[in-house]
Amino acid sequence: MADQNSPAPAARPRAKHLMDPANPRPRKQDPMSLSQVQKWVLSSLAAATILHMSGGLVLAAMFLDESRMDGRIGLLVIAGIFGVIAVLAARAIHQRLLLTPWLLLGTLPALVGVYLTFWR
């Protein structure tokens, strides 16, 4: 039995990785609000939908008759325009500056289409 007059053993400091029920950790704020998540989902869906249309135009240009060079070029130009529109839509949803070097990324479907249509 312990003597009443003996000093109590010193409490060891609790390890940081263990939970202390007397002192719960403060909850961290959510990194994204609901409106930010909605913007990301909407811009992703809009860009993906428009880029699918651009990809469809590239496929149409690839399978168009080789004698219709004007049609092939026209479809690829329209595919590039839709690619740029996809980037513009995503940036507009996030309320960012529209004129940016990211617009060059929108021409990528048309450039891939030119390669696949003429040099493949």
PDB file of N, CA and C in Angstrom:
ATOM      1  N   MET A   1       0.826  -1.181   0.000  1.00  0.00           N
ATOM      2  CA  MET A   1       0.000   0.000   0.000  1.00  0.00           C
ATOM      3  C   MET A   1       0.873   1.248   0.000  1.00  0.00           C
ATOM      4  N   ALA A   2       0.356   2.229  -0.653  1.00  0.00           N
ATOM      5  CA  ALA A   2       1.112   3.465  -0.752  1.00  0.00           C
ATOM      6  C   ALA A   2       0.886   4.300   0.496  1.00  0.00           C
ATOM      7  N   ASP A   3       1.903   4.963   0.902  1.00  0.00           N
ATOM      8  CA  ASP A   3       1.837   5.836   2.068  1.00  0.00           C
ATOM      9  C   ASP A   3       1.130   7.128   1.672  1.00  0.00           C
ATOM     10  N   GLN A   4       0.284   7.652   2.564  1.00  0.00           N
ATOM     11  CA  GLN A   4      -0.465   8.870   2.284  1.00  0.00           C
ATOM     12  C   GLN A   4       0.454  10.070   2.089  1.00  0.00           C
ATOM     13  N   ASN A   5       1.599  10.065   2.719  1.00  0.00           N
ATOM     14  CA  ASN A   5       2.495  11.213   2.661  1.00  0.00           C
ATOM     15  C   ASN A   5       3.477  11.133   1.491  1.00  0.00           C
ATOM     16  N   SER A   6       3.530  10.000   0.796  1.00  0.00           N
ATOM     17  CA  SER A   6       4.484   9.884  -0.305  1.00  0.00           C
ATOM     18  C   SER A   6       3.985  10.689  -1.500  1.00  0.00           C
ATOM     19  N   PRO A   7       4.907  11.277  -2.258  1.00  0.00           N
ATOM     20  CA  PRO A   7       4.480  12.073  -3.425  1.00  0.00           C
ATOM     21  C   PRO A   7       3.883  11.169  -4.507  1.00  0.00           C
ATOM     22  N   ALA A   8       2.910  11.709  -5.225  1.00  0.00           N
ATOM     23  CA  ALA A   8       2.258  10.971  -6.313  1.00  0.00           C
ATOM     24  C   ALA A   8       3.237  10.832  -7.465  1.00  0.00           C
ATOM     25  N   PRO A   9       3.167   9.723  -8.177  1.00  0.00           N
ATOM     26  CA  PRO A   9       4.079   9.579  -9.322  1.00  0.00           C
ATOM     27  C   PRO A   9       3.784  10.651 -10.368  1.00  0.00           C
ATOM     28  N   ALA A  10       4.831  11.156 -10.990  1.00  0.00           N
ATOM     29  CA  ALA A  10       4.667  12.213 -12.004  1.00  0.00           C
ATOM     30  C   ALA A  10       3.944  11.635 -13.218  1.00  0.00           C
ATOM     31  N   ALA A  11       2.993  12.396 -13.706  1.00  0.00           N
ATOM     32  CA  ALA A  11       2.232  11.958 -14.877  1.00  0.00           C
ATOM     33  C   ALA A  11       3.106  12.099 -16.125  1.00  0.00           C
ATOM     34  N   ARG A  12       3.128  11.052 -16.898  1.00  0.00           N
ATOM     35  CA  ARG A  12       3.900  11.109 -18.131  1.00  0.00           C
ATOM     36  C   ARG A  12       3.130  11.923 -19.162  1.00  0.00           C
ATOM     37  N   PRO A  13       3.819  12.699 -19.976  1.00  0.00           N
ATOM     38  CA  PRO A  13       3.089  13.430 -21.025  1.00  0.00           C
ATOM     39  C   PRO A  13       2.515  12.444 -22.038  1.00  0.00           C
ATOM     40  N   ARG A  14       1.325  12.732 -22.466  1.00  0.00           N
ATOM     41  CA  ARG A  14       0.641  11.865 -23.404  1.00  0.00           C
ATOM     42  C   ARG A  14       1.297  11.990 -24.790  1.00  0.00           C
ATOM     43  N   ALA A  15       1.440  10.882 -25.471  1.00  0.00           N
ATOM     44  CA  ALA A  15       2.006  10.891 -26.828  1.00  0.00           C
ATOM     45  C   ALA A  15       1.066  11.653 -27.760  1.00  0.00           C
ATOM     46  N   LYS A  16       1.647  12.380 -28.705  1.00  0.00           N
ATOM     47  CA  LYS A  16       0.841  13.261 -29.563  1.00  0.00           C
ATOM     48  C   LYS A  16      -0.105  12.511 -30.475  1.00  0.00           C
ATOM     49  N   HIS A  17       0.228  11.270 -30.810  1.00  0.00           N
ATOM     50  CA  HIS A  17      -0.628  10.536 -31.733  1.00  0.00           C
ATOM     51  C   HIS A  17      -1.833   9.909 -31.031  1.00  0.00           C
ATOM     52  N   LEU A  18      -1.882   9.985 -29.706  1.00  0.00           N
ATOM     53  CA  LEU A  18      -3.012   9.426 -28.974  1.00  0.00           C
ATOM     54  C   LEU A  18      -4.057  10.487 -28.696  1.00  0.00           C
ATOM     55  N   MET A  19      -5.295  10.044 -28.611  1.00  0.00           N
ATOM     56  CA  MET A  19      -6.392  10.966 -28.346  1.00  0.00           C
ATOM     57  C   MET A  19      -6.443  11.286 -26.853  1.00  0.00           C
ATOM     58  N   ASP A  20      -6.686  12.543 -26.523  1.00  0.00           N
ATOM     59  CA  ASP A  20      -6.874  12.955 -25.136  1.00  0.00           C
ATOM     60  C   ASP A  20      -8.338  13.338 -24.976  1.00  0.00           C
ATOM     61  N   PRO A  21      -9.137  12.516 -24.288  1.00  0.00           N
ATOM     62  CA  PRO A  21     -10.560  12.824 -24.173  1.00  0.00           C
ATOM     63  C   PRO A  21     -10.834  14.148 -23.466  1.00  0.00           C
ATOM     64  N   ALA A  22      -9.936  14.575 -22.615  1.00  0.00           N
ATOM     65  CA  ALA A  22     -10.154  15.832 -21.907  1.00  0.00           C
ATOM     66  C   ALA A  22      -9.883  17.035 -22.807  1.00  0.00           C
ATOM     67  N   ASN A  23      -9.046  16.855 -23.813  1.00  0.00           N
ATOM     68  CA  ASN A  23      -8.689  17.954 -24.719  1.00  0.00           C
ATOM     69  C   ASN A  23      -8.819  17.495 -26.168  1.00  0.00           C
ATOM     70  N   PRO A  24     -10.017  17.459 -26.709  1.00  0.00           N
ATOM     71  CA  PRO A  24     -10.147  17.015 -28.104  1.00  0.00           C
ATOM     72  C   PRO A  24      -9.500  18.023 -29.046  1.00  0.00           C
ATOM     73  N   ARG A  25      -9.003  17.496 -30.149  1.00  0.00           N
ATOM     74  CA  ARG A  25      -8.387  18.371 -31.143  1.00  0.00           C
ATOM     75  C   ARG A  25      -9.466  19.211 -31.819  1.00  0.00           C
ATOM     76  N   PRO A  26      -9.136  20.444 -32.161  1.00  0.00           N
ATOM     77  CA  PRO A  26     -10.128  21.262 -32.879  1.00  0.00           C
ATOM     78  C   PRO A  26     -10.339  20.693 -34.279  1.00  0.00           C
ATOM     79  N   ARG A  27     -11.567  20.771 -34.742  1.00  0.00           N
ATOM     80  CA  ARG A  27     -11.868  20.285 -36.086  1.00  0.00           C
ATOM     81  C   ARG A  27     -11.287  21.242 -37.113  1.00  0.00           C
ATOM     82  N   LYS A  28     -10.711  20.643 -38.151  1.00  0.00           N
ATOM     83  CA  LYS A  28     -10.164  21.457 -39.232  1.00  0.00           C
ATOM     84  C   LYS A  28     -11.313  21.930 -40.114  1.00  0.00           C
ATOM     85  N   GLN A  29     -11.158  23.114 -40.654  1.00  0.00           N
ATOM     86  CA  GLN A  29     -12.153  23.636 -41.576  1.00  0.00           C
ATOM     87  C   GLN A  29     -12.110  22.826 -42.855  1.00  0.00           C
ATOM     88  N   ASP A  30     -13.250  22.663 -43.492  1.00  0.00           N
ATOM     89  CA  ASP A  30     -13.291  21.961 -44.768  1.00  0.00           C
ATOM     90  C   ASP A  30     -12.469  22.735 -45.791  1.00  0.00           C
ATOM     91  N   PRO A  31     -11.644  22.039 -46.575  1.00  0.00           N
ATOM     92  CA  PRO A  31     -10.815  22.746 -47.542  1.00  0.00           C
ATOM     93  C   PRO A  31     -11.634  23.384 -48.666  1.00  0.00           C
ATOM     94  N   MET A  32     -12.806  22.822 -48.953  1.00  0.00           N
ATOM     95  CA  MET A  32     -13.637  23.377 -50.016  1.00  0.00           C
ATOM     96  C   MET A  32     -15.072  23.506 -49.513  1.00  0.00           C
ATOM     97  N   SER A  33     -15.687  24.607 -49.874  1.00  0.00           N
ATOM     98  CA  SER A  33     -17.085  24.789 -49.508  1.00  0.00           C
ATOM     99  C   SER A  33     -17.964  24.062 -50.532  1.00  0.00           C
ATOM    100  N   LEU A  34     -19.236  23.979 -50.215  1.00  0.00           N
ATOM    101  CA  LEU A  34     -20.166  23.304 -51.110  1.00  0.00           C
ATOM    102  C   LEU A  34     -20.230  24.001 -52.468  1.00  0.00           C
ATOM    103  N   SER A  35     -20.211  25.319 -52.468  1.00  0.00           N
ATOM    104  CA  SER A  35     -20.293  26.039 -53.747  1.00  0.00           C
ATOM    105  C   SER A  35     -19.037  25.801 -54.593  1.00  0.00           C
ATOM    106  N   GLN A  36     -17.882  25.671 -53.960  1.00  0.00           N
ATOM    107  CA  GLN A  36     -16.664  25.379 -54.726  1.00  0.00           C
ATOM    108  C   GLN A  36     -16.729  23.989 -55.345  1.00  0.00           C
ATOM    109  N   VAL A  37     -17.235  23.027 -54.598  1.00  0.00           N
ATOM    110  CA  VAL A  37     -17.367  21.671 -55.129  1.00  0.00           C
ATOM    111  C   VAL A  37     -18.350  21.662 -56.293  1.00  0.00           C
ATOM    112  N   GLN A  38     -19.451  22.393 -56.149  1.00  0.00           N
ATOM    113  CA  GLN A  38     -20.433  22.474 -57.230  1.00  0.00           C
ATOM    114  C   GLN A  38     -19.820  23.086 -58.484  1.00  0.00           C
ATOM    115  N   LYS A  39     -18.989  24.110 -58.313  1.00  0.00           N
ATOM    116  CA  LYS A  39     -18.339  24.724 -59.470  1.00  0.00           C
ATOM    117  C   LYS A  39     -17.413  23.731 -60.167  1.00  0.00           C
ATOM    118  N   TRP A  40     -16.657  22.963 -59.382  1.00  0.00           N
ATOM    119  CA  TRP A  40     -15.743  21.991 -59.983  1.00  0.00           C
ATOM    120  C   TRP A  40     -16.507  20.906 -60.723  1.00  0.00           C
ATOM    121  N   VAL A  41     -17.592  20.437 -60.136  1.00  0.00           N
ATOM    122  CA  VAL A  41     -18.376  19.385 -60.797  1.00  0.00           C
ATOM    123  C   VAL A  41     -18.997  19.928 -62.078  1.00  0.00           C
ATOM    124  N   LEU A  42     -19.585  21.115 -62.005  1.00  0.00           N
ATOM    125  CA  LEU A  42     -20.226  21.701 -63.178  1.00  0.00           C
ATOM    126  C   LEU A  42     -19.213  21.986 -64.282  1.00  0.00           C
ATOM    127  N   SER A  43     -18.067  22.551 -63.927  1.00  0.00           N
ATOM    128  CA  SER A  43     -17.081  22.864 -64.966  1.00  0.00           C
ATOM    129  C   SER A  43     -16.504  21.588 -65.572  1.00  0.00           C
ATOM    130  N   SER A  44     -16.327  20.549 -64.766  1.00  0.00           N
ATOM    131  CA  SER A  44     -15.836  19.278 -65.307  1.00  0.00           C
ATOM    132  C   SER A  44     -16.836  18.671 -66.274  1.00  0.00           C
ATOM    133  N   LEU A  45     -18.099  18.687 -65.897  1.00  0.00           N
ATOM    134  CA  LEU A  45     -19.126  18.129 -66.780  1.00  0.00           C
ATOM    135  C   LEU A  45     -19.256  18.939 -68.066  1.00  0.00           C
ATOM    136  N   ALA A  46     -19.240  20.261 -67.948  1.00  0.00           N
ATOM    137  CA  ALA A  46     -19.366  21.108 -69.137  1.00  0.00           C
ATOM    138  C   ALA A  46     -18.182  20.892 -70.084  1.00  0.00           C
ATOM    139  N   ALA A  47     -16.981  20.919 -69.528  1.00  0.00           N
ATOM    140  CA  ALA A  47     -15.789  20.748 -70.373  1.00  0.00           C
ATOM    141  C   ALA A  47     -15.761  19.359 -71.004  1.00  0.00           C
ATOM    142  N   ALA A  48     -16.099  18.334 -70.232  1.00  0.00           N
ATOM    143  CA  ALA A  48     -16.071  16.968 -70.781  1.00  0.00           C
ATOM    144  C   ALA A  48     -17.105  16.800 -71.886  1.00  0.00           C
ATOM    145  N   THR A  49     -18.288  17.368 -71.695  1.00  0.00           N
ATOM    146  CA  THR A  49     -19.342  17.250 -72.709  1.00  0.00           C
ATOM    147  C   THR A  49     -18.939  17.955 -74.001  1.00  0.00           C
ATOM    148  N   ILE A  50     -18.420  19.168 -73.869  1.00  0.00           N
ATOM    149  CA  ILE A  50     -18.036  19.931 -75.065  1.00  0.00           C
ATOM    150  C   ILE A  50     -16.833  19.276 -75.749  1.00  0.00           C
ATOM    151  N   LEU A  51     -15.894  18.747 -74.964  1.00  0.00           N
ATOM    152  CA  LEU A  51     -14.733  18.084 -75.566  1.00  0.00           C
ATOM    153  C   LEU A  51     -15.120  16.782 -76.256  1.00  0.00           C
ATOM    154  N   HIS A  52     -16.167  16.112 -75.762  1.00  0.00           N
ATOM    155  CA  HIS A  52     -16.659  14.929 -76.475  1.00  0.00           C
ATOM    156  C   HIS A  52     -17.195  15.314 -77.852  1.00  0.00           C
ATOM    157  N   MET A  53     -17.881  16.431 -77.910  1.00  0.00           N
ATOM    158  CA  MET A  53     -18.380  16.900 -79.208  1.00  0.00           C
ATOM    159  C   MET A  53     -17.217  17.236 -80.134  1.00  0.00           C
ATOM    160  N   SER A  54     -16.192  17.874 -79.574  1.00  0.00           N
ATOM    161  CA  SER A  54     -15.016  18.201 -80.368  1.00  0.00           C
ATOM    162  C   SER A  54     -14.337  16.926 -80.879  1.00  0.00           C
ATOM    163  N   GLY A  55     -14.243  15.916 -80.023  1.00  0.00           N
ATOM    164  CA  GLY A  55     -13.667  14.636 -80.439  1.00  0.00           C
ATOM    165  C   GLY A  55     -14.499  13.960 -81.514  1.00  0.00           C
ATOM    166  N   GLY A  56     -15.817  14.086 -81.419  1.00  0.00           N
ATOM    167  CA  GLY A  56     -16.690  13.532 -82.452  1.00  0.00           C
ATOM    168  C   GLY A  56     -16.475  14.207 -83.797  1.00  0.00           C
ATOM    169  N   LEU A  57     -16.250  15.511 -83.771  1.00  0.00           N
ATOM    170  CA  LEU A  57     -15.965  16.220 -85.021  1.00  0.00           C
ATOM    171  C   LEU A  57     -14.635  15.774 -85.614  1.00  0.00           C
ATOM    172  N   VAL A  58     -13.655  15.499 -84.756  1.00  0.00           N
ATOM    173  CA  VAL A  58     -12.367  14.986 -85.247  1.00  0.00           C
ATOM    174  C   VAL A  58     -12.567  13.620 -85.891  1.00  0.00           C
ATOM    175  N   LEU A  59     -13.343  12.760 -85.249  1.00  0.00           N
ATOM    176  CA  LEU A  59     -13.619  11.443 -85.841  1.00  0.00           C
ATOM    177  C   LEU A  59     -14.350  11.569 -87.176  1.00  0.00           C
ATOM    178  N   ALA A  60     -15.290  12.501 -87.243  1.00  0.00           N
ATOM    179  CA  ALA A  60     -16.012  12.709 -88.503  1.00  0.00           C
ATOM    180  C   ALA A  60     -15.053  13.167 -89.598  1.00  0.00           C
ATOM    181  N   ALA A  61     -14.101  14.014 -89.244  1.00  0.00           N
ATOM    182  CA  ALA A  61     -13.123  14.473 -90.232  1.00  0.00           C
ATOM    183  C   ALA A  61     -12.210  13.330 -90.678  1.00  0.00           C
ATOM    184  N   MET A  62     -11.891  12.437 -89.756  1.00  0.00           N
ATOM    185  CA  MET A  62     -11.017  11.308 -90.107  1.00  0.00           C
ATOM    186  C   MET A  62     -11.694  10.352 -91.086  1.00  0.00           C
ATOM    187  N   PHE A  63     -12.983  10.158 -90.938  1.00  0.00           N
ATOM    188  CA  PHE A  63     -13.681   9.176 -91.763  1.00  0.00           C
ATOM    189  C   PHE A  63     -14.401   9.796 -92.954  1.00  0.00           C
ATOM    190  N   LEU A  64     -14.257  11.089 -93.139  1.00  0.00           N
ATOM    191  CA  LEU A  64     -14.839  11.745 -94.309  1.00  0.00           C
ATOM    192  C   LEU A  64     -14.038  11.334 -95.548  1.00  0.00           C
ATOM    193  N   ASP A  65     -14.719  11.273 -96.677  1.00  0.00           N
ATOM    194  CA  ASP A  65     -14.075  10.876 -97.923  1.00  0.00           C
ATOM    195  C   ASP A  65     -12.862  11.762 -98.206  1.00  0.00           C
ATOM    196  N   GLU A  66     -11.780  11.127 -98.665  1.00  0.00           N
ATOM    197  CA  GLU A  66     -10.536  11.864 -98.897  1.00  0.00           C
ATOM    198  C   GLU A  66     -10.673  12.931 -99.978  1.00  0.00           C
ATOM    199  N   SER A  67     -11.652  12.811-100.845  1.00  0.00           N
ATOM    200  CA  SER A  67     -11.840  13.822-101.889  1.00  0.00           C
ATOM    201  C   SER A  67     -12.467  15.097-101.320  1.00  0.00           C
ATOM    202  N   ARG A  68     -13.038  15.024-100.133  1.00  0.00           N
ATOM    203  CA  ARG A  68     -13.677  16.196 -99.500  1.00  0.00           C
ATOM    204  C   ARG A  68     -12.717  16.868 -98.529  1.00  0.00           C
ATOM    205  N   MET A  69     -11.628  17.402 -99.052  1.00  0.00           N
ATOM    206  CA  MET A  69     -10.622  18.062 -98.215  1.00  0.00           C
ATOM    207  C   MET A  69     -11.193  19.287 -97.526  1.00  0.00           C
ATOM    208  N   ASP A  70     -12.091  20.009 -98.208  1.00  0.00           N
ATOM    209  CA  ASP A  70     -12.696  21.195 -97.596  1.00  0.00           C
ATOM    210  C   ASP A  70     -13.535  20.822 -96.375  1.00  0.00           C
ATOM    211  N   GLY A  71     -14.242  19.711 -96.462  1.00  0.00           N
ATOM    212  CA  GLY A  71     -15.053  19.255 -95.337  1.00  0.00           C
ATOM    213  C   GLY A  71     -14.197  18.815 -94.158  1.00  0.00           C
ATOM    214  N   ARG A  72     -13.100  18.138 -94.462  1.00  0.00           N
ATOM    215  CA  ARG A  72     -12.190  17.693 -93.399  1.00  0.00           C
ATOM    216  C   ARG A  72     -11.609  18.884 -92.651  1.00  0.00           C
ATOM    217  N   ILE A  73     -11.125  19.859 -93.405  1.00  0.00           N
ATOM    218  CA  ILE A  73     -10.531  21.042 -92.785  1.00  0.00           C
ATOM    219  C   ILE A  73     -11.584  21.806 -91.992  1.00  0.00           C
ATOM    220  N   GLY A  74     -12.773  21.933 -92.547  1.00  0.00           N
ATOM    221  CA  GLY A  74     -13.852  22.635 -91.846  1.00  0.00           C
ATOM    222  C   GLY A  74     -14.220  21.963 -90.536  1.00  0.00           C
ATOM    223  N   LEU A  75     -14.324  20.637 -90.541  1.00  0.00           N
ATOM    224  CA  LEU A  75     -14.650  19.920 -89.308  1.00  0.00           C
ATOM    225  C   LEU A  75     -13.552  20.075 -88.261  1.00  0.00           C
ATOM    226  N   LEU A  76     -12.308  20.078 -88.693  1.00  0.00           N
ATOM    227  CA  LEU A  76     -11.211  20.246 -87.740  1.00  0.00           C
ATOM    228  C   LEU A  76     -11.171  21.661 -87.166  1.00  0.00           C
ATOM    229  N   VAL A  77     -11.496  22.645 -87.976  1.00  0.00           N
ATOM    230  CA  VAL A  77     -11.567  24.026 -87.475  1.00  0.00           C
ATOM    231  C   VAL A  77     -12.689  24.148 -86.448  1.00  0.00           C
ATOM    232  N   ILE A  78     -13.833  23.558 -86.747  1.00  0.00           N
ATOM    233  CA  ILE A  78     -14.957  23.596 -85.808  1.00  0.00           C
ATOM    234  C   ILE A  78     -14.603  22.839 -84.525  1.00  0.00           C
ATOM    235  N   ALA A  79     -13.866  21.737 -84.645  1.00  0.00           N
ATOM    236  CA  ALA A  79     -13.431  20.990 -83.458  1.00  0.00           C
ATOM    237  C   ALA A  79     -12.529  21.858 -82.590  1.00  0.00           C
ATOM    238  N   GLY A  80     -11.640  22.620 -83.211  1.00  0.00           N
ATOM    239  CA  GLY A  80     -10.774  23.531 -82.455  1.00  0.00           C
ATOM    240  C   GLY A  80     -11.559  24.625 -81.767  1.00  0.00           C
ATOM    241  N   ILE A  81     -12.568  25.145 -82.460  1.00  0.00           N
ATOM    242  CA  ILE A  81     -13.408  26.188 -81.859  1.00  0.00           C
ATOM    243  C   ILE A  81     -14.159  25.631 -80.652  1.00  0.00           C
ATOM    244  N   PHE A  82     -14.696  24.429 -80.782  1.00  0.00           N
ATOM    245  CA  PHE A  82     -15.397  23.824 -79.643  1.00  0.00           C
ATOM    246  C   PHE A  82     -14.435  23.518 -78.492  1.00  0.00           C
ATOM    247  N   GLY A  83     -13.205  23.144 -78.788  1.00  0.00           N
ATOM    248  CA  GLY A  83     -12.227  22.937 -77.725  1.00  0.00           C
ATOM    249  C   GLY A  83     -11.954  24.211 -76.947  1.00  0.00           C
ATOM    250  N   VAL A  84     -11.828  25.312 -77.662  1.00  0.00           N
ATOM    251  CA  VAL A  84     -11.616  26.611 -77.005  1.00  0.00           C
ATOM    252  C   VAL A  84     -12.860  26.987 -76.195  1.00  0.00           C
ATOM    253  N   ILE A  85     -14.037  26.711 -76.722  1.00  0.00           N
ATOM    254  CA  ILE A  85     -15.277  26.993 -75.988  1.00  0.00           C
ATOM    255  C   ILE A  85     -15.329  26.182 -74.696  1.00  0.00           C
ATOM    256  N   ALA A  86     -14.830  24.945 -74.721  1.00  0.00           N
ATOM    257  CA  ALA A  86     -14.819  24.116 -73.506  1.00  0.00           C
ATOM    258  C   ALA A  86     -13.953  24.766 -72.426  1.00  0.00           C
ATOM    259  N   VAL A  87     -12.790  25.269 -72.804  1.00  0.00           N
ATOM    260  CA  VAL A  87     -11.919  25.936 -71.830  1.00  0.00           C
ATOM    261  C   VAL A  87     -12.569  27.220 -71.345  1.00  0.00           C
ATOM    262  N   LEU A  88     -13.171  27.975 -72.251  1.00  0.00           N
ATOM    263  CA  LEU A  88     -13.855  29.207 -71.858  1.00  0.00           C
ATOM    264  C   LEU A  88     -14.998  28.929 -70.881  1.00  0.00           C
ATOM    265  N   ALA A  89     -15.761  27.881 -71.127  1.00  0.00           N
ATOM    266  CA  ALA A  89     -16.882  27.548 -70.244  1.00  0.00           C
ATOM    267  C   ALA A  89     -16.387  27.198 -68.846  1.00  0.00           C
ATOM    268  N   ALA A  90     -15.340  26.401 -68.773  1.00  0.00           N
ATOM    269  CA  ALA A  90     -14.809  26.016 -67.465  1.00  0.00           C
ATOM    270  C   ALA A  90     -14.284  27.236 -66.710  1.00  0.00           C
ATOM    271  N   ARG A  91     -13.593  28.125 -67.404  1.00  0.00           N
ATOM    272  CA  ARG A  91     -13.066  29.320 -66.736  1.00  0.00           C
ATOM    273  C   ARG A  91     -14.178  30.274 -66.350  1.00  0.00           C
ATOM    274  N   ALA A  92     -15.227  30.362 -67.157  1.00  0.00           N
ATOM    275  CA  ALA A  92     -16.346  31.247 -66.834  1.00  0.00           C
ATOM    276  C   ALA A  92     -17.102  30.742 -65.602  1.00  0.00           C
ATOM    277  N   ILE A  93     -17.245  29.436 -65.470  1.00  0.00           N
ATOM    278  CA  ILE A  93     -17.932  28.871 -64.307  1.00  0.00           C
ATOM    279  C   ILE A  93     -17.160  29.203 -63.035  1.00  0.00           C
ATOM    280  N   HIS A  94     -15.831  29.182 -63.109  1.00  0.00           N
ATOM    281  CA  HIS A  94     -15.007  29.508 -61.938  1.00  0.00           C
ATOM    282  C   HIS A  94     -14.789  31.012 -61.789  1.00  0.00           C
ATOM    283  N   GLN A  95     -15.378  31.795 -62.667  1.00  0.00           N
ATOM    284  CA  GLN A  95     -15.284  33.252 -62.645  1.00  0.00           C
ATOM    285  C   GLN A  95     -13.830  33.711 -62.690  1.00  0.00           C
ATOM    286  N   ARG A  96     -13.089  33.135 -63.600  1.00  0.00           N
ATOM    287  CA  ARG A  96     -11.690  33.485 -63.816  1.00  0.00           C
ATOM    288  C   ARG A  96     -11.577  34.312 -65.100  1.00  0.00           C
ATOM    289  N   LEU A  97     -10.418  34.913 -65.290  1.00  0.00           N
ATOM    290  CA  LEU A  97     -10.148  35.675 -66.495  1.00  0.00           C
ATOM    291  C   LEU A  97     -10.242  34.754 -67.712  1.00  0.00           C
ATOM    292  N   LEU A  98     -10.988  35.188 -68.731  1.00  0.00           N
ATOM    293  CA  LEU A  98     -11.229  34.323 -69.884  1.00  0.00           C
ATOM    294  C   LEU A  98     -10.052  34.304 -70.861  1.00  0.00           C
ATOM    295  N   LEU A  99      -9.437  35.442 -71.090  1.00  0.00           N
ATOM    296  CA  LEU A  99      -8.309  35.499 -72.026  1.00  0.00           C
ATOM    297  C   LEU A  99      -7.035  35.100 -71.287  1.00  0.00           C
ATOM    298  N   THR A 100      -6.594  33.892 -71.549  1.00  0.00           N
ATOM    299  CA  THR A 100      -5.466  33.322 -70.831  1.00  0.00           C
ATOM    300  C   THR A 100      -4.745  32.331 -71.747  1.00  0.00           C
ATOM    301  N   PRO A 101      -3.506  32.027 -71.458  1.00  0.00           N
ATOM    302  CA  PRO A 101      -2.800  31.023 -72.271  1.00  0.00           C
ATOM    303  C   PRO A 101      -3.446  29.637 -72.219  1.00  0.00           C
ATOM    304  N   TRP A 102      -4.312  29.379 -71.233  1.00  0.00           N
ATOM    305  CA  TRP A 102      -5.002  28.092 -71.151  1.00  0.00           C
ATOM    306  C   TRP A 102      -5.896  27.866 -72.368  1.00  0.00           C
ATOM    307  N   LEU A 103      -6.257  28.915 -73.079  1.00  0.00           N
ATOM    308  CA  LEU A 103      -7.097  28.756 -74.267  1.00  0.00           C
ATOM    309  C   LEU A 103      -6.378  27.933 -75.342  1.00  0.00           C
ATOM    310  N   LEU A 104      -5.060  27.965 -75.335  1.00  0.00           N
ATOM    311  CA  LEU A 104      -4.312  27.159 -76.307  1.00  0.00           C
ATOM    312  C   LEU A 104      -4.553  25.671 -76.089  1.00  0.00           C
ATOM    313  N   LEU A 105      -4.870  25.296 -74.863  1.00  0.00           N
ATOM    314  CA  LEU A 105      -5.181  23.897 -74.579  1.00  0.00           C
ATOM    315  C   LEU A 105      -6.439  23.455 -75.327  1.00  0.00           C
ATOM    316  N   GLY A 106      -7.333  24.387 -75.597  1.00  0.00           N
ATOM    317  CA  GLY A 106      -8.556  24.075 -76.319  1.00  0.00           C
ATOM    318  C   GLY A 106      -8.324  23.694 -77.774  1.00  0.00           C
ATOM    319  N   THR A 107      -7.197  24.097 -78.321  1.00  0.00           N
ATOM    320  CA  THR A 107      -6.903  23.739 -79.717  1.00  0.00           C
ATOM    321  C   THR A 107      -6.328  22.331 -79.837  1.00  0.00           C
ATOM    322  N   LEU A 108      -6.062  21.695 -78.725  1.00  0.00           N
ATOM    323  CA  LEU A 108      -5.451  20.365 -78.743  1.00  0.00           C
ATOM    324  C   LEU A 108      -6.269  19.324 -79.513  1.00  0.00           C
ATOM    325  N   PRO A 109      -7.604  19.253 -79.355  1.00  0.00           N
ATOM    326  CA  PRO A 109      -8.339  18.262 -80.157  1.00  0.00           C
ATOM    327  C   PRO A 109      -8.169  18.473 -81.661  1.00  0.00           C
ATOM    328  N   ALA A 110      -8.156  19.720 -82.094  1.00  0.00           N
ATOM    329  CA  ALA A 110      -7.994  19.990 -83.527  1.00  0.00           C
ATOM    330  C   ALA A 110      -6.589  19.618 -83.990  1.00  0.00           C
ATOM    331  N   LEU A 111      -5.577  19.896 -83.178  1.00  0.00           N
ATOM    332  CA  LEU A 111      -4.207  19.558 -83.564  1.00  0.00           C
ATOM    333  C   LEU A 111      -4.011  18.045 -83.632  1.00  0.00           C
ATOM    334  N   VAL A 112      -4.584  17.328 -82.683  1.00  0.00           N
ATOM    335  CA  VAL A 112      -4.524  15.863 -82.735  1.00  0.00           C
ATOM    336  C   VAL A 112      -5.280  15.369 -83.962  1.00  0.00           C
ATOM    337  N   GLY A 113      -6.403  16.008 -84.265  1.00  0.00           N
ATOM    338  CA  GLY A 113      -7.178  15.638 -85.445  1.00  0.00           C
ATOM    339  C   GLY A 113      -6.423  15.873 -86.739  1.00  0.00           C
ATOM    340  N   VAL A 114      -5.686  16.965 -86.808  1.00  0.00           N
ATOM    341  CA  VAL A 114      -4.882  17.240 -88.005  1.00  0.00           C
ATOM    342  C   VAL A 114      -3.835  16.145 -88.180  1.00  0.00           C
ATOM    343  N   TYR A 115      -3.190  15.769 -87.086  1.00  0.00           N
ATOM    344  CA  TYR A 115      -2.186  14.702 -87.164  1.00  0.00           C
ATOM    345  C   TYR A 115      -2.823  13.383 -87.607  1.00  0.00           C
ATOM    346  N   LEU A 116      -3.930  13.016 -86.967  1.00  0.00           N
ATOM    347  CA  LEU A 116      -4.556  11.732 -87.289  1.00  0.00           C
ATOM    348  C   LEU A 116      -5.176  11.707 -88.680  1.00  0.00           C
ATOM    349  N   THR A 117      -5.634  12.849 -89.146  1.00  0.00           N
ATOM    350  CA  THR A 117      -6.333  12.893 -90.432  1.00  0.00           C
ATOM    351  C   THR A 117      -5.349  12.947 -91.599  1.00  0.00           C
ATOM    352  N   PHE A 118      -4.277  13.714 -91.461  1.00  0.00           N
ATOM    353  CA  PHE A 118      -3.414  13.975 -92.609  1.00  0.00           C
ATOM    354  C   PHE A 118      -2.069  13.255 -92.544  1.00  0.00           C
ATOM    355  N   TRP A 119      -1.548  12.953 -91.352  1.00  0.00           N
ATOM    356  CA  TRP A 119      -0.202  12.402 -91.279  1.00  0.00           C
ATOM    357  C   TRP A 119      -0.147  10.994 -90.685  1.00  0.00           C
ATOM    358  N   ARG A 120      -1.248  10.397 -90.466  1.00  0.00           N
ATOM    359  CA  ARG A 120      -1.256   9.065 -89.885  1.00  0.00           C
ATOM    360  C   ARG A 120      -1.101   8.027 -90.943  1.00  0.00           C
TER     361      ARG A 120
END
